[in-house]
N, C-alpha and C. Protein backbone atom coordinates (compact mmCIF):
# COMPACT_ATOMS: atom_id res chain seq x y z
N MET A 1 -15.84 -2.44 -8.11
CA MET A 1 -15.92 -3.80 -8.57
C MET A 1 -16.64 -4.66 -7.54
N GLY A 2 -17.51 -5.44 -7.87
CA GLY A 2 -18.08 -6.43 -6.87
C GLY A 2 -19.13 -5.70 -5.99
N ALA A 3 -19.80 -6.61 -5.20
CA ALA A 3 -20.87 -6.09 -4.32
C ALA A 3 -20.15 -5.77 -2.96
N GLU A 4 -20.78 -5.11 -2.09
CA GLU A 4 -20.28 -4.82 -0.72
C GLU A 4 -20.10 -6.14 -0.03
N ARG A 5 -18.99 -6.27 0.79
CA ARG A 5 -18.73 -7.47 1.50
C ARG A 5 -17.88 -7.14 2.72
N VAL A 6 -17.83 -8.11 3.69
CA VAL A 6 -16.86 -8.04 4.80
C VAL A 6 -16.00 -9.21 4.63
N PHE A 7 -14.67 -8.87 4.66
CA PHE A 7 -13.64 -9.99 4.57
C PHE A 7 -13.41 -10.59 6.00
N ALA A 8 -13.12 -11.89 5.96
CA ALA A 8 -12.93 -12.59 7.33
C ALA A 8 -11.75 -11.96 7.90
N ASP A 9 -10.58 -11.86 7.11
CA ASP A 9 -9.31 -11.32 7.62
C ASP A 9 -8.52 -10.86 6.32
N ARG A 10 -7.24 -10.51 6.59
CA ARG A 10 -6.41 -10.06 5.52
C ARG A 10 -6.12 -11.17 4.53
N GLU A 11 -5.97 -12.31 5.02
CA GLU A 11 -5.71 -13.57 4.09
C GLU A 11 -6.94 -13.77 3.21
N ASP A 12 -8.16 -13.61 3.74
CA ASP A 12 -9.35 -13.81 2.91
C ASP A 12 -9.48 -12.66 1.90
N GLY A 13 -9.11 -11.44 2.34
CA GLY A 13 -9.02 -10.34 1.50
C GLY A 13 -8.01 -10.58 0.31
N GLY A 14 -6.87 -11.12 0.68
CA GLY A 14 -5.90 -11.49 -0.34
C GLY A 14 -6.34 -12.54 -1.39
N ARG A 15 -7.08 -13.56 -0.85
CA ARG A 15 -7.58 -14.56 -1.75
C ARG A 15 -8.64 -13.91 -2.82
N GLN A 16 -9.56 -13.14 -2.28
CA GLN A 16 -10.52 -12.53 -3.24
C GLN A 16 -9.86 -11.61 -4.15
N LEU A 17 -8.82 -10.82 -3.67
CA LEU A 17 -8.16 -9.88 -4.52
C LEU A 17 -7.40 -10.56 -5.66
N ALA A 18 -6.80 -11.77 -5.24
CA ALA A 18 -6.03 -12.58 -6.22
C ALA A 18 -6.93 -13.05 -7.30
N GLU A 19 -8.16 -13.40 -7.01
CA GLU A 19 -9.00 -13.87 -8.07
C GLU A 19 -9.33 -12.83 -9.12
N GLU A 20 -9.42 -11.52 -8.66
CA GLU A 20 -9.56 -10.38 -9.59
C GLU A 20 -8.28 -10.26 -10.44
N LEU A 21 -7.19 -10.39 -9.81
CA LEU A 21 -5.89 -10.16 -10.49
C LEU A 21 -5.57 -11.26 -11.44
N LYS A 22 -5.98 -12.45 -11.13
CA LYS A 22 -5.62 -13.61 -11.99
C LYS A 22 -6.34 -13.53 -13.33
N ARG A 23 -7.27 -12.63 -13.52
CA ARG A 23 -8.03 -12.51 -14.79
C ARG A 23 -7.18 -11.74 -15.81
N ARG A 24 -6.03 -11.23 -15.37
CA ARG A 24 -5.18 -10.46 -16.24
C ARG A 24 -3.88 -11.19 -16.67
N THR A 25 -3.25 -10.73 -17.58
CA THR A 25 -1.88 -11.25 -18.06
C THR A 25 -0.84 -10.24 -17.39
N TRP A 26 0.17 -10.83 -16.74
CA TRP A 26 1.22 -10.07 -16.11
C TRP A 26 2.53 -10.43 -16.69
N ILE A 27 3.44 -9.44 -16.91
CA ILE A 27 4.74 -9.63 -17.35
C ILE A 27 5.65 -9.54 -16.25
N ASP A 28 6.30 -10.68 -15.92
CA ASP A 28 7.34 -10.76 -14.79
C ASP A 28 6.79 -10.00 -13.55
N PRO A 29 5.77 -10.45 -13.09
CA PRO A 29 5.07 -9.56 -11.99
C PRO A 29 5.92 -9.58 -10.70
N LEU A 30 5.83 -8.46 -10.05
CA LEU A 30 6.35 -8.24 -8.69
C LEU A 30 5.23 -7.66 -7.79
N VAL A 31 4.94 -8.44 -6.66
CA VAL A 31 3.97 -7.99 -5.78
C VAL A 31 4.64 -7.32 -4.53
N LEU A 32 4.28 -6.07 -4.29
CA LEU A 32 4.85 -5.30 -3.23
C LEU A 32 3.76 -5.05 -2.12
N GLY A 33 3.95 -5.54 -0.95
CA GLY A 33 3.03 -5.34 0.17
C GLY A 33 3.36 -4.00 0.78
N LEU A 34 2.43 -3.10 0.93
CA LEU A 34 2.56 -1.82 1.71
C LEU A 34 2.48 -2.18 3.13
N ALA A 35 3.64 -1.92 3.78
CA ALA A 35 3.78 -2.28 5.28
C ALA A 35 3.04 -1.31 6.09
N ARG A 36 2.42 -1.89 7.17
CA ARG A 36 2.53 -3.25 7.47
C ARG A 36 1.31 -4.04 7.05
N GLY A 37 0.12 -3.49 7.07
CA GLY A 37 -1.12 -4.31 6.84
C GLY A 37 -1.24 -4.85 5.47
N GLY A 38 -0.59 -4.21 4.48
CA GLY A 38 -0.73 -4.80 3.14
C GLY A 38 0.12 -6.14 2.88
N VAL A 39 1.05 -6.41 3.62
CA VAL A 39 1.92 -7.45 3.43
C VAL A 39 1.20 -8.78 3.55
N PRO A 40 0.38 -9.04 4.64
CA PRO A 40 -0.36 -10.34 4.55
C PRO A 40 -1.26 -10.57 3.39
N VAL A 41 -1.85 -9.51 2.92
CA VAL A 41 -2.66 -9.43 1.65
C VAL A 41 -1.76 -9.83 0.37
N ALA A 42 -0.68 -9.07 0.37
CA ALA A 42 0.24 -9.29 -0.66
C ALA A 42 0.90 -10.68 -0.79
N ALA A 43 1.18 -11.28 0.33
CA ALA A 43 1.65 -12.61 0.36
C ALA A 43 0.79 -13.57 -0.30
N VAL A 44 -0.50 -13.47 -0.08
CA VAL A 44 -1.59 -14.40 -0.64
C VAL A 44 -1.59 -14.13 -2.17
N VAL A 45 -1.60 -12.83 -2.60
CA VAL A 45 -1.65 -12.52 -4.02
C VAL A 45 -0.47 -13.02 -4.67
N ALA A 46 0.80 -12.86 -4.17
CA ALA A 46 1.95 -13.35 -4.74
C ALA A 46 2.03 -14.86 -4.89
N ARG A 47 1.46 -15.53 -3.95
CA ARG A 47 1.41 -17.04 -4.04
C ARG A 47 0.44 -17.46 -5.14
N ARG A 48 -0.77 -16.80 -5.21
CA ARG A 48 -1.66 -17.17 -6.19
C ARG A 48 -1.30 -16.83 -7.58
N LEU A 49 -0.44 -15.74 -7.67
CA LEU A 49 0.04 -15.33 -9.03
C LEU A 49 1.38 -16.00 -9.46
N GLY A 50 1.95 -16.67 -8.44
CA GLY A 50 3.27 -17.27 -8.77
C GLY A 50 4.29 -16.15 -8.98
N ALA A 51 4.10 -15.03 -8.14
CA ALA A 51 4.96 -13.82 -8.32
C ALA A 51 5.93 -13.69 -7.20
N GLU A 52 6.95 -12.83 -7.42
CA GLU A 52 7.89 -12.53 -6.35
C GLU A 52 7.16 -11.52 -5.44
N LEU A 53 7.56 -11.62 -4.15
CA LEU A 53 7.00 -10.81 -3.11
C LEU A 53 8.06 -9.87 -2.47
N ASP A 54 7.78 -8.67 -2.21
CA ASP A 54 8.60 -7.81 -1.57
C ASP A 54 7.86 -6.75 -0.77
N VAL A 55 8.50 -5.82 -0.14
CA VAL A 55 7.74 -4.91 0.66
C VAL A 55 8.03 -3.45 0.22
N ALA A 56 7.04 -2.61 0.40
CA ALA A 56 7.15 -1.17 0.25
C ALA A 56 6.74 -0.41 1.55
N VAL A 57 7.33 0.69 1.77
CA VAL A 57 6.99 1.44 3.02
C VAL A 57 6.67 2.94 2.67
N ALA A 58 5.59 3.33 3.21
CA ALA A 58 5.23 4.75 3.13
C ALA A 58 4.65 5.15 4.51
N ARG A 59 4.86 6.29 4.97
CA ARG A 59 4.45 6.72 6.36
C ARG A 59 3.55 7.89 6.19
N LYS A 60 2.38 7.80 6.86
CA LYS A 60 1.46 9.02 6.98
C LYS A 60 2.09 10.11 7.69
N ILE A 61 1.86 11.35 7.20
CA ILE A 61 2.26 12.62 7.91
C ILE A 61 0.91 13.11 8.54
N GLY A 62 0.82 12.96 9.89
CA GLY A 62 -0.33 13.33 10.61
C GLY A 62 -0.53 14.78 10.94
N ALA A 63 -1.73 15.22 11.04
CA ALA A 63 -1.97 16.70 11.37
C ALA A 63 -1.57 16.79 12.86
N PRO A 64 -1.19 18.11 13.28
CA PRO A 64 -0.80 18.44 14.63
C PRO A 64 -1.97 18.06 15.55
N GLY A 65 -1.65 17.20 16.55
CA GLY A 65 -2.68 16.85 17.54
C GLY A 65 -3.58 15.77 17.06
N ARG A 66 -3.48 15.41 15.83
CA ARG A 66 -4.36 14.36 15.27
C ARG A 66 -3.53 13.47 14.33
N ARG A 67 -2.63 12.70 15.00
CA ARG A 67 -1.63 11.93 14.22
C ARG A 67 -2.21 10.98 13.24
N GLU A 68 -3.33 10.45 13.45
CA GLU A 68 -3.89 9.51 12.59
C GLU A 68 -4.69 10.11 11.38
N PHE A 69 -4.80 11.44 11.40
CA PHE A 69 -5.41 12.16 10.34
C PHE A 69 -4.32 12.61 9.30
N GLY A 70 -4.24 11.84 8.20
CA GLY A 70 -3.06 12.16 7.27
C GLY A 70 -3.33 13.39 6.33
N VAL A 71 -2.30 14.24 6.47
CA VAL A 71 -2.32 15.38 5.58
C VAL A 71 -1.41 15.21 4.45
N GLY A 72 -0.55 14.20 4.56
CA GLY A 72 0.51 13.89 3.54
C GLY A 72 1.18 12.51 3.86
N ALA A 73 2.14 12.18 3.10
CA ALA A 73 2.87 10.85 3.22
C ALA A 73 4.32 10.98 2.73
N VAL A 74 5.12 10.13 3.22
CA VAL A 74 6.57 10.14 2.71
C VAL A 74 7.05 8.71 2.73
N THR A 75 7.93 8.43 1.74
CA THR A 75 8.62 7.22 1.59
C THR A 75 10.09 7.32 2.10
N PRO A 76 10.77 6.23 2.31
CA PRO A 76 12.18 6.39 2.77
C PRO A 76 13.05 7.23 1.99
N ASP A 77 12.87 7.44 0.68
CA ASP A 77 13.69 8.18 -0.10
C ASP A 77 13.05 9.24 -1.10
N GLY A 78 11.85 8.98 -1.42
CA GLY A 78 11.07 9.83 -2.31
C GLY A 78 10.65 11.22 -1.69
N PRO A 79 10.26 12.13 -2.45
CA PRO A 79 9.70 13.47 -1.87
C PRO A 79 8.43 13.27 -1.15
N ALA A 80 8.22 14.04 -0.12
CA ALA A 80 6.89 13.94 0.60
C ALA A 80 5.78 14.54 -0.38
N ILE A 81 4.62 13.98 -0.11
CA ILE A 81 3.42 14.60 -0.87
C ILE A 81 2.47 15.09 0.18
N TYR A 82 1.63 16.09 -0.19
CA TYR A 82 0.65 16.59 0.74
C TYR A 82 -0.68 16.74 0.05
N ASP A 83 -1.70 16.55 0.71
CA ASP A 83 -3.10 16.91 0.19
C ASP A 83 -3.27 18.38 0.38
N GLU A 84 -3.17 19.18 -0.66
CA GLU A 84 -3.18 20.55 -0.52
C GLU A 84 -4.57 21.07 0.00
N ALA A 85 -5.63 20.43 -0.37
CA ALA A 85 -6.90 20.81 0.08
C ALA A 85 -7.05 20.67 1.57
N ILE A 86 -6.52 19.57 2.12
CA ILE A 86 -6.57 19.38 3.62
C ILE A 86 -5.68 20.35 4.23
N LEU A 87 -4.45 20.65 3.71
CA LEU A 87 -3.57 21.63 4.34
C LEU A 87 -4.32 23.00 4.40
N ARG A 88 -4.97 23.38 3.40
CA ARG A 88 -5.60 24.66 3.36
C ARG A 88 -6.74 24.72 4.40
N GLY A 89 -7.56 23.56 4.47
CA GLY A 89 -8.62 23.48 5.48
C GLY A 89 -8.14 23.53 6.87
N LEU A 90 -6.99 23.12 7.13
CA LEU A 90 -6.41 23.09 8.53
C LEU A 90 -5.56 24.33 8.73
N GLU A 91 -5.33 25.19 7.72
CA GLU A 91 -4.50 26.43 7.74
C GLU A 91 -3.07 25.93 8.02
N LEU A 92 -2.58 24.90 7.32
CA LEU A 92 -1.22 24.41 7.52
C LEU A 92 -0.49 24.58 6.21
N THR A 93 0.79 24.43 6.33
CA THR A 93 1.69 24.54 5.11
C THR A 93 2.61 23.31 5.27
N ALA A 94 3.26 22.97 4.03
CA ALA A 94 4.23 21.85 4.10
C ALA A 94 5.39 22.27 4.94
N ALA A 95 5.80 23.53 4.90
CA ALA A 95 6.91 24.02 5.74
C ALA A 95 6.59 23.75 7.20
N ARG A 96 5.38 23.94 7.60
CA ARG A 96 5.04 23.81 9.09
C ARG A 96 5.12 22.29 9.36
N MET A 97 5.01 21.46 8.48
CA MET A 97 4.92 20.02 8.60
C MET A 97 6.40 19.37 8.52
N ALA A 98 7.40 20.24 8.39
CA ALA A 98 8.75 19.69 8.12
C ALA A 98 9.29 18.81 9.18
N ARG A 99 9.01 19.19 10.44
CA ARG A 99 9.53 18.35 11.50
C ARG A 99 8.79 16.93 11.60
N VAL A 100 7.51 16.96 11.39
CA VAL A 100 6.88 15.64 11.35
C VAL A 100 7.29 14.84 10.10
N GLU A 101 7.42 15.52 8.97
CA GLU A 101 7.89 14.88 7.78
C GLU A 101 9.27 14.20 8.04
N HIS A 102 10.17 14.82 8.70
CA HIS A 102 11.55 14.31 8.98
C HIS A 102 11.42 13.05 9.85
N ARG A 103 10.53 13.17 10.91
CA ARG A 103 10.36 12.05 11.80
C ARG A 103 9.80 10.84 11.06
N GLU A 104 8.78 10.96 10.25
CA GLU A 104 8.22 9.87 9.59
C GLU A 104 9.09 9.27 8.56
N ARG A 105 9.94 10.13 7.86
CA ARG A 105 10.80 9.65 6.91
C ARG A 105 11.92 8.76 7.59
N ALA A 106 12.32 9.13 8.75
CA ALA A 106 13.37 8.39 9.57
C ALA A 106 12.72 7.05 9.96
N GLU A 107 11.43 7.11 10.36
CA GLU A 107 10.74 5.80 10.69
C GLU A 107 10.54 4.88 9.48
N ALA A 108 10.28 5.51 8.34
CA ALA A 108 10.13 4.68 7.09
C ALA A 108 11.48 4.01 6.71
N ARG A 109 12.49 4.68 6.88
CA ARG A 109 13.83 4.17 6.59
C ARG A 109 14.16 3.06 7.62
N ARG A 110 13.86 3.34 8.84
CA ARG A 110 14.21 2.23 9.90
C ARG A 110 13.43 0.96 9.64
N ARG A 111 12.16 1.18 9.27
CA ARG A 111 11.32 -0.07 9.04
C ARG A 111 11.83 -0.76 7.77
N LEU A 112 12.19 -0.03 6.61
CA LEU A 112 12.60 -0.70 5.46
C LEU A 112 13.89 -1.45 5.75
N GLU A 113 14.82 -0.83 6.47
CA GLU A 113 16.09 -1.47 6.76
C GLU A 113 15.86 -2.82 7.61
N ARG A 114 14.92 -2.74 8.52
CA ARG A 114 14.50 -3.87 9.33
C ARG A 114 13.87 -5.02 8.48
N TYR A 115 12.97 -4.59 7.67
CA TYR A 115 12.29 -5.61 6.74
C TYR A 115 13.28 -6.29 5.79
N ARG A 116 14.14 -5.56 5.21
CA ARG A 116 15.11 -6.01 4.23
C ARG A 116 16.12 -6.90 4.80
N ASP A 117 16.58 -6.55 6.01
CA ASP A 117 17.55 -7.29 6.75
C ASP A 117 18.70 -7.71 5.92
N GLY A 118 19.21 -6.67 5.11
CA GLY A 118 20.42 -6.78 4.35
C GLY A 118 20.14 -7.25 2.94
N ARG A 119 18.83 -7.66 2.59
CA ARG A 119 18.51 -8.02 1.24
C ARG A 119 18.41 -6.81 0.34
N PRO A 120 18.88 -6.99 -0.97
CA PRO A 120 18.73 -5.87 -1.85
C PRO A 120 17.29 -5.75 -2.20
N SER A 121 16.92 -4.62 -2.74
CA SER A 121 15.54 -4.35 -3.10
C SER A 121 15.35 -5.04 -4.47
N ALA A 122 14.03 -5.38 -4.76
CA ALA A 122 13.79 -6.12 -6.00
C ALA A 122 13.98 -5.22 -7.17
N ASP A 123 14.33 -5.75 -8.30
CA ASP A 123 14.54 -4.88 -9.53
C ASP A 123 13.18 -4.70 -10.16
N LEU A 124 12.79 -3.45 -10.42
CA LEU A 124 11.47 -3.09 -10.91
C LEU A 124 11.49 -2.89 -12.42
N ALA A 125 12.60 -2.73 -12.98
CA ALA A 125 12.70 -2.28 -14.48
C ALA A 125 12.02 -3.28 -15.39
N GLY A 126 11.13 -2.81 -16.16
CA GLY A 126 10.49 -3.60 -17.26
C GLY A 126 9.37 -4.57 -16.66
N ARG A 127 9.10 -4.51 -15.43
CA ARG A 127 8.17 -5.49 -14.74
C ARG A 127 6.87 -4.82 -14.54
N ASP A 128 5.79 -5.68 -14.38
CA ASP A 128 4.49 -5.28 -13.94
C ASP A 128 4.56 -5.29 -12.41
N VAL A 129 4.40 -4.16 -11.77
CA VAL A 129 4.53 -4.11 -10.31
C VAL A 129 3.15 -3.85 -9.82
N ILE A 130 2.77 -4.68 -8.76
CA ILE A 130 1.47 -4.63 -8.20
C ILE A 130 1.68 -4.18 -6.66
N LEU A 131 1.29 -2.96 -6.40
CA LEU A 131 1.31 -2.53 -5.00
C LEU A 131 0.00 -2.84 -4.31
N VAL A 132 0.20 -3.61 -3.21
CA VAL A 132 -1.01 -4.13 -2.46
C VAL A 132 -1.08 -3.58 -1.15
N ASP A 133 -2.31 -3.18 -0.71
CA ASP A 133 -2.54 -2.75 0.69
C ASP A 133 -3.82 -3.49 1.14
N ASP A 134 -4.11 -3.40 2.45
CA ASP A 134 -5.32 -4.03 2.95
C ASP A 134 -6.54 -3.16 2.67
N GLY A 135 -6.35 -1.92 2.36
CA GLY A 135 -7.45 -1.06 1.95
C GLY A 135 -6.97 0.26 1.53
N LEU A 136 -7.89 1.03 0.94
CA LEU A 136 -7.61 2.38 0.46
C LEU A 136 -8.62 3.37 1.03
N ALA A 137 -8.08 4.27 1.89
CA ALA A 137 -8.98 5.24 2.47
C ALA A 137 -8.84 6.61 1.85
N THR A 138 -7.73 7.29 2.08
CA THR A 138 -7.58 8.63 1.42
C THR A 138 -6.66 8.49 0.25
N GLY A 139 -5.82 7.60 0.12
CA GLY A 139 -4.91 7.43 -1.03
C GLY A 139 -3.61 8.15 -0.86
N VAL A 140 -3.37 8.79 0.18
CA VAL A 140 -2.17 9.64 0.33
C VAL A 140 -0.91 8.80 0.52
N THR A 141 -0.94 7.79 1.25
CA THR A 141 0.17 6.88 1.42
C THR A 141 0.48 6.07 0.12
N ALA A 142 -0.62 5.58 -0.48
CA ALA A 142 -0.52 4.81 -1.83
C ALA A 142 0.14 5.72 -2.87
N THR A 143 -0.26 7.04 -2.93
CA THR A 143 0.23 7.95 -3.92
C THR A 143 1.69 8.17 -3.67
N ALA A 144 2.19 8.43 -2.49
CA ALA A 144 3.52 8.47 -2.25
C ALA A 144 4.34 7.28 -2.64
N ALA A 145 3.86 6.14 -2.39
CA ALA A 145 4.60 4.80 -2.72
C ALA A 145 4.52 4.64 -4.20
N LEU A 146 3.51 4.96 -4.89
CA LEU A 146 3.46 4.78 -6.37
C LEU A 146 4.42 5.73 -7.06
N ARG A 147 4.49 6.97 -6.56
CA ARG A 147 5.46 7.85 -7.24
C ARG A 147 6.92 7.38 -6.98
N ASP A 148 7.19 6.83 -5.83
CA ASP A 148 8.48 6.33 -5.58
C ASP A 148 8.78 5.13 -6.47
N LEU A 149 7.81 4.35 -6.69
CA LEU A 149 8.08 3.12 -7.49
C LEU A 149 8.34 3.57 -9.00
N ARG A 150 7.77 4.57 -9.40
CA ARG A 150 7.98 4.99 -10.86
C ARG A 150 9.49 5.14 -11.15
N ALA A 151 10.15 5.56 -10.22
CA ALA A 151 11.56 5.87 -10.40
C ALA A 151 12.32 4.69 -10.76
N GLY A 152 11.82 3.42 -10.51
CA GLY A 152 12.51 2.20 -10.81
C GLY A 152 12.19 1.70 -12.21
N ASN A 153 11.45 2.51 -13.07
CA ASN A 153 11.19 2.21 -14.40
C ASN A 153 10.52 0.91 -14.67
N PRO A 154 9.37 0.61 -13.86
CA PRO A 154 8.58 -0.55 -14.17
C PRO A 154 7.79 -0.48 -15.42
N ARG A 155 7.40 -1.61 -15.98
CA ARG A 155 6.51 -1.57 -17.19
C ARG A 155 5.19 -0.94 -16.88
N THR A 156 4.59 -1.40 -15.80
CA THR A 156 3.35 -0.79 -15.35
C THR A 156 3.32 -0.84 -13.78
N VAL A 157 2.55 -0.05 -13.15
CA VAL A 157 2.33 0.04 -11.68
C VAL A 157 0.82 -0.04 -11.45
N VAL A 158 0.38 -1.01 -10.79
CA VAL A 158 -0.98 -1.20 -10.47
C VAL A 158 -1.17 -1.23 -8.97
N PHE A 159 -2.19 -0.48 -8.53
CA PHE A 159 -2.52 -0.53 -7.06
C PHE A 159 -3.69 -1.53 -6.89
N ALA A 160 -3.58 -2.33 -5.76
CA ALA A 160 -4.72 -3.23 -5.63
C ALA A 160 -4.94 -3.40 -4.09
N ALA A 161 -6.26 -3.58 -3.81
CA ALA A 161 -6.68 -3.70 -2.40
C ALA A 161 -8.03 -4.34 -2.35
N PRO A 162 -8.27 -5.11 -1.35
CA PRO A 162 -9.59 -5.80 -1.27
C PRO A 162 -10.82 -4.73 -1.19
N VAL A 163 -10.50 -3.54 -0.56
CA VAL A 163 -11.59 -2.53 -0.31
C VAL A 163 -11.02 -1.19 -0.50
N GLY A 164 -11.78 -0.28 -1.12
CA GLY A 164 -11.31 1.10 -1.31
C GLY A 164 -12.50 2.09 -1.32
N ALA A 165 -12.22 3.27 -0.74
CA ALA A 165 -13.16 4.36 -0.87
C ALA A 165 -13.31 4.74 -2.34
N PRO A 166 -14.50 4.87 -2.84
CA PRO A 166 -14.72 5.14 -4.28
C PRO A 166 -13.93 6.43 -4.75
N ALA A 167 -14.03 7.58 -3.96
CA ALA A 167 -13.40 8.80 -4.35
C ALA A 167 -11.85 8.60 -4.37
N ALA A 168 -11.29 7.88 -3.34
CA ALA A 168 -9.88 7.65 -3.33
C ALA A 168 -9.31 6.84 -4.41
N ALA A 169 -10.19 5.78 -4.84
CA ALA A 169 -9.79 4.91 -5.89
C ALA A 169 -9.83 5.69 -7.22
N ALA A 170 -10.83 6.57 -7.45
CA ALA A 170 -10.92 7.41 -8.61
C ALA A 170 -9.72 8.34 -8.68
N GLY A 171 -9.34 8.95 -7.64
CA GLY A 171 -8.18 9.80 -7.64
C GLY A 171 -6.88 9.15 -7.84
N LEU A 172 -6.72 7.90 -7.38
CA LEU A 172 -5.57 7.19 -7.52
C LEU A 172 -5.33 6.72 -8.93
N ARG A 173 -6.42 6.61 -9.67
CA ARG A 173 -6.30 6.24 -11.10
C ARG A 173 -5.39 7.20 -11.95
N GLY A 174 -5.16 8.42 -11.44
CA GLY A 174 -4.30 9.36 -12.07
C GLY A 174 -2.82 9.10 -11.73
N GLU A 175 -2.53 8.29 -10.75
CA GLU A 175 -1.22 7.90 -10.36
C GLU A 175 -0.75 6.59 -10.81
N ALA A 176 -1.70 5.60 -10.80
CA ALA A 176 -1.42 4.23 -11.09
C ALA A 176 -1.84 3.93 -12.59
N ASP A 177 -1.21 2.93 -13.28
CA ASP A 177 -1.86 2.47 -14.48
C ASP A 177 -3.18 1.88 -14.35
N ASP A 178 -3.48 1.31 -13.18
CA ASP A 178 -4.86 0.88 -12.94
C ASP A 178 -4.97 0.74 -11.40
N VAL A 179 -6.17 0.67 -10.94
CA VAL A 179 -6.49 0.55 -9.56
C VAL A 179 -7.49 -0.63 -9.46
N VAL A 180 -7.22 -1.64 -8.72
CA VAL A 180 -8.10 -2.83 -8.64
C VAL A 180 -8.50 -3.01 -7.12
N CYS A 181 -9.87 -2.89 -6.96
CA CYS A 181 -10.39 -3.16 -5.67
C CYS A 181 -11.55 -4.16 -5.80
N VAL A 182 -11.64 -5.12 -4.91
CA VAL A 182 -12.73 -6.11 -5.01
C VAL A 182 -14.02 -5.35 -4.72
N THR A 183 -14.04 -4.47 -3.87
CA THR A 183 -15.27 -3.72 -3.69
C THR A 183 -14.97 -2.25 -3.35
N GLU A 184 -15.88 -1.32 -3.74
CA GLU A 184 -15.65 0.07 -3.49
C GLU A 184 -16.93 0.57 -2.90
N PRO A 185 -17.32 0.17 -1.62
CA PRO A 185 -18.61 0.56 -1.07
C PRO A 185 -18.91 2.03 -0.99
N PRO A 186 -20.07 2.49 -1.42
CA PRO A 186 -20.41 3.90 -1.28
C PRO A 186 -20.39 4.46 0.14
N ASP A 187 -20.72 3.58 1.10
CA ASP A 187 -20.69 3.96 2.58
C ASP A 187 -19.43 3.75 3.29
N PHE A 188 -18.31 3.71 2.53
CA PHE A 188 -16.95 3.46 3.15
C PHE A 188 -16.71 4.58 4.08
N ARG A 189 -16.25 4.13 5.35
CA ARG A 189 -15.78 5.13 6.35
C ARG A 189 -14.39 4.87 6.76
N ALA A 190 -14.05 3.51 6.92
CA ALA A 190 -12.71 3.11 7.38
C ALA A 190 -12.46 1.79 6.83
N VAL A 191 -11.22 1.44 6.65
CA VAL A 191 -10.78 0.14 6.16
C VAL A 191 -11.25 -0.92 7.00
N GLY A 192 -11.04 -0.75 8.39
CA GLY A 192 -11.35 -1.78 9.34
C GLY A 192 -12.87 -2.18 9.32
N GLN A 193 -13.69 -1.35 9.03
CA GLN A 193 -15.12 -1.82 9.03
C GLN A 193 -15.48 -2.94 8.08
N TRP A 194 -14.57 -3.17 7.10
CA TRP A 194 -14.84 -4.14 6.09
C TRP A 194 -14.09 -5.56 6.45
N TYR A 195 -13.57 -5.63 7.54
CA TYR A 195 -12.96 -6.87 7.99
C TYR A 195 -13.47 -7.32 9.31
N ALA A 196 -13.89 -8.60 9.36
CA ALA A 196 -14.30 -9.17 10.68
C ALA A 196 -13.08 -9.24 11.58
N ASP A 197 -11.96 -9.52 11.15
CA ASP A 197 -10.70 -9.58 11.98
C ASP A 197 -9.77 -8.63 11.32
N PHE A 198 -9.51 -7.53 12.11
CA PHE A 198 -8.59 -6.48 11.55
C PHE A 198 -7.61 -6.18 12.65
N ARG A 199 -7.01 -7.22 13.27
CA ARG A 199 -5.96 -7.06 14.23
C ARG A 199 -4.77 -6.48 13.58
N GLN A 200 -3.98 -5.70 14.41
CA GLN A 200 -2.79 -5.08 13.87
C GLN A 200 -1.67 -6.07 13.34
N THR A 201 -1.15 -5.79 12.24
CA THR A 201 -0.04 -6.50 11.75
C THR A 201 1.29 -5.99 12.36
N SER A 202 2.10 -6.91 12.91
CA SER A 202 3.32 -6.53 13.61
C SER A 202 4.46 -6.54 12.67
N ASP A 203 5.61 -5.99 13.14
CA ASP A 203 6.90 -6.06 12.39
C ASP A 203 7.33 -7.48 12.28
N GLU A 204 7.06 -8.32 13.25
CA GLU A 204 7.39 -9.74 13.30
C GLU A 204 6.66 -10.49 12.22
N ASP A 205 5.31 -10.15 12.07
CA ASP A 205 4.51 -10.79 11.15
C ASP A 205 5.03 -10.51 9.63
N VAL A 206 5.45 -9.21 9.42
CA VAL A 206 5.96 -8.77 8.16
C VAL A 206 7.30 -9.61 7.90
N LEU A 207 8.13 -9.61 8.87
CA LEU A 207 9.45 -10.31 8.82
C LEU A 207 9.22 -11.77 8.43
N ASP A 208 8.29 -12.38 9.14
CA ASP A 208 7.99 -13.86 8.92
C ASP A 208 7.52 -14.10 7.51
N LEU A 209 6.68 -13.28 6.94
CA LEU A 209 6.21 -13.46 5.51
C LEU A 209 7.36 -13.20 4.54
N LEU A 210 8.17 -12.17 4.80
CA LEU A 210 9.28 -11.97 3.87
C LEU A 210 10.35 -12.91 3.87
N LEU A 211 10.53 -13.55 5.15
CA LEU A 211 11.67 -14.48 5.16
C LEU A 211 11.33 -15.82 4.62
N HIS A 212 10.14 -15.99 4.24
CA HIS A 212 9.68 -17.24 3.53
C HIS A 212 9.09 -16.98 2.21
N LEU A 213 9.83 -16.15 1.36
CA LEU A 213 9.38 -15.83 0.11
C LEU A 213 9.05 -16.98 -0.76
N GLY A 214 9.78 -18.01 -0.73
CA GLY A 214 9.64 -19.17 -1.56
C GLY A 214 8.36 -19.90 -1.24
N GLU A 215 7.88 -19.80 0.01
CA GLU A 215 6.60 -20.47 0.31
C GLU A 215 5.34 -19.73 -0.19
N HIS A 216 5.60 -18.43 -0.73
CA HIS A 216 4.45 -17.73 -1.23
C HIS A 216 4.42 -17.77 -2.78
N ARG A 217 4.90 -18.93 -3.37
CA ARG A 217 4.76 -18.99 -4.77
C ARG A 217 4.32 -20.51 -5.13
N ASP A 218 3.38 -20.63 -6.02
CA ASP A 218 2.92 -21.93 -6.45
C ASP A 218 3.80 -22.65 -7.19
């Protein structure tokens, strides 16, 4: 969707993404920011849609010695998922990744507990849920999060991001009811290349946005 572009920052990405999402009719929408970088984008989307804002957490399971290269992902409570083709290519198995999986699940739980700060999770049942991230690269963490959300019996689950790799977006359409990206550039290499300002989002940034939920609704 749309021409190739560079977003000024995550807020700008959120504004442009919200314009795409506002063209649709939503039933009791819930916007979930995929922590951490997806939360600033989601906050803008929630405000523009007049929707409730909450957080989702999924952690990448990195390859041995290449932590940033995701071979799978895990949520605080759902089953881990793996990219079987990548595992085969690296001569790995899910069993060999069990220790990393355990570590990342523990970190996902720690982060979710911190972000919720005693608040109950939002009710998903019968609602249109929009899972928002700042970009879609491989889709492995988004897939883990989407599968976890299905357990809450939402009416629909849509993944949305300002930018996404075309192949990842196509693959994710088998997991979500729809995938909405402002742009899917054919020369996509990394999410950060499509932002002028792609500074890291901190836990404090996430907490600040979530503590002011009321300010993110029109």
